[in-house]
Amino acid sequence: MSKRIALLCVVTILLGTAAIADRDDRYGAIAYSRRTEHYGWANRAESQAGAERRALEKCEGRDCRIAGWFRNSCGALATGEGGQVTGFGHDVRVEEAKERAVRECRENRGRRCRVVVSACAR
């Protein structure tokens, strides 16, 4: 019986630790409008949904869509071809997120790709 109690205590502690770690997570998101080329971003949100909602609220244009989201890291959006081709990247380092965004934009056949916005969630 004491082994069951000990096991129950260990499981309870582990689950409690996981819940605490989740509360420390911070989220960010970037929204983009191809029509207006406007963007909105959010960082340090407590949930992915909260970050996405704030990014969309800040983006001007009815066609705004979430380009990407990130957790405890950084995100970047790059555009090319007059804003019609996009790329999104995320990484723990903002410079790497920017490089990934430009690389994805080019992989999507974009020319003259450049980073238009970046943010970090931590």
Protein backbone atom coordinates (compact mmCIF):
# COMPACT_ATOMS: atom_id res chain seq x y z
CA MET A 1 0.00 0.00 0.00
CA SER A 2 2.82 2.44 0.83
CA LYS A 3 4.32 1.91 -2.65
CA ARG A 4 1.03 3.03 -4.19
CA ILE A 5 0.95 6.13 -2.03
CA ALA A 6 4.58 6.95 -2.91
CA LEU A 7 3.85 6.48 -6.61
CA LEU A 8 0.76 8.67 -6.35
CA CYS A 9 2.82 11.38 -4.64
CA VAL A 10 5.48 11.29 -7.38
CA VAL A 11 2.87 11.49 -10.14
CA THR A 12 1.13 14.40 -8.39
CA ILE A 13 4.42 16.30 -8.05
CA LEU A 14 5.32 15.71 -11.70
CA LEU A 15 1.92 16.85 -12.93
CA GLY A 16 2.09 19.94 -10.73
CA THR A 17 5.55 20.80 -12.05
CA ALA A 18 4.32 20.47 -15.65
CA ALA A 19 1.41 22.81 -14.93
CA ILE A 20 3.77 25.41 -13.46
CA ALA A 21 6.06 25.17 -16.50
CA ASP A 22 3.10 25.71 -18.85
CA ARG A 23 2.16 28.91 -17.00
CA ASP A 24 5.62 30.31 -17.74
CA ASP A 25 5.24 29.78 -21.51
CA ARG A 26 4.84 32.93 -23.60
CA TYR A 27 3.43 33.03 -27.12
CA GLY A 28 3.70 35.37 -30.05
CA ALA A 29 2.08 35.59 -33.48
CA ILE A 30 2.29 37.58 -36.69
CA ALA A 31 -0.69 38.35 -38.93
CA TYR A 32 -0.41 39.67 -42.48
CA SER A 33 -2.66 41.14 -45.20
CA ARG A 34 -1.53 40.50 -48.79
CA ARG A 35 -3.98 43.13 -50.05
CA THR A 36 -2.87 46.03 -47.83
CA GLU A 37 0.61 44.66 -46.92
CA HIS A 38 -0.13 45.60 -43.32
CA TYR A 39 0.81 43.35 -40.46
CA GLY A 40 0.09 42.95 -36.79
CA TRP A 41 2.07 41.15 -34.17
CA ALA A 42 1.78 40.12 -30.56
CA ASN A 43 4.27 38.85 -28.04
CA ARG A 44 4.35 37.68 -24.44
CA ALA A 45 0.80 36.35 -24.61
CA GLU A 46 -0.23 33.61 -22.20
CA SER A 47 -1.70 31.41 -24.96
CA GLN A 48 -1.39 30.78 -28.67
CA ALA A 49 -5.02 31.83 -29.17
CA GLY A 50 -4.42 35.08 -27.28
CA ALA A 51 -1.35 35.90 -29.35
CA GLU A 52 -3.17 35.19 -32.62
CA ARG A 53 -6.18 37.27 -31.58
CA ARG A 54 -4.02 40.29 -30.68
CA ALA A 55 -1.99 40.01 -33.89
CA LEU A 56 -5.18 39.97 -35.98
CA GLU A 57 -6.57 42.95 -34.05
CA LYS A 58 -3.45 44.99 -34.85
CA CYS A 59 -3.44 44.03 -38.54
CA GLU A 60 -5.26 46.42 -40.88
CA GLY A 61 -7.19 44.62 -43.57
CA ARG A 62 -10.12 42.25 -43.79
CA ASP A 63 -7.90 39.61 -45.39
CA CYS A 64 -5.43 39.45 -42.50
CA ARG A 65 -4.37 35.90 -41.74
CA ILE A 66 -1.98 34.43 -39.20
CA ALA A 67 1.38 33.96 -40.91
CA GLY A 68 2.76 32.03 -37.95
CA TRP A 69 3.01 31.73 -34.20
CA PHE A 70 5.83 30.94 -31.81
CA ARG A 71 6.30 29.88 -28.19
CA ASN A 72 9.17 30.96 -25.94
CA SER A 73 11.08 32.02 -29.05
CA CYS A 74 11.09 34.60 -31.86
CA GLY A 75 9.22 34.82 -35.14
CA ALA A 76 9.73 36.80 -38.34
CA LEU A 77 7.81 37.50 -41.54
CA ALA A 78 9.52 38.20 -44.85
CA THR A 79 7.81 39.34 -48.04
CA GLY A 80 8.73 39.57 -51.71
CA GLU A 81 7.04 40.33 -55.04
CA GLY A 82 5.22 43.40 -53.78
CA GLY A 83 4.05 41.65 -50.64
CA GLN A 84 2.40 38.75 -52.49
CA VAL A 85 4.98 36.10 -51.55
CA THR A 86 5.66 35.48 -47.87
CA GLY A 87 7.87 33.41 -45.65
CA PHE A 88 7.70 32.81 -41.91
CA GLY A 89 10.46 31.62 -39.63
CA HIS A 90 10.89 31.04 -35.92
CA ASP A 91 13.82 30.23 -33.69
CA VAL A 92 15.11 31.00 -30.22
CA ARG A 93 17.40 33.63 -31.80
CA VAL A 94 15.73 36.50 -33.66
CA GLU A 95 18.45 36.65 -36.34
CA GLU A 96 17.95 32.97 -37.17
CA ALA A 97 14.16 33.50 -37.31
CA LYS A 98 14.72 36.33 -39.81
CA GLU A 99 17.04 34.17 -41.94
CA ARG A 100 14.49 31.35 -41.97
CA ALA A 101 11.70 33.73 -43.00
CA VAL A 102 13.74 35.06 -45.95
CA ARG A 103 14.73 31.52 -46.93
CA GLU A 104 11.08 30.37 -46.92
CA CYS A 105 10.04 33.42 -48.95
CA ARG A 106 12.66 32.52 -51.57
CA GLU A 107 11.56 28.86 -51.53
CA ASN A 108 8.06 30.15 -52.31
CA ARG A 109 9.59 31.75 -55.44
CA GLY A 110 9.82 35.22 -53.96
CA ARG A 111 12.33 37.74 -55.26
CA ARG A 112 13.74 40.63 -53.27
CA CYS A 113 12.53 39.00 -50.06
CA ARG A 114 13.01 41.12 -46.96
CA VAL A 115 11.96 40.90 -43.33
CA VAL A 116 9.06 43.23 -42.58
CA VAL A 117 8.49 42.35 -38.92
CA SER A 118 10.00 40.24 -36.16
CA ALA A 119 9.13 39.75 -32.50
CA CYS A 120 10.10 37.58 -29.54
CA ALA A 121 7.74 35.99 -27.06
CA ARG A 122 10.07 35.82 -24.08
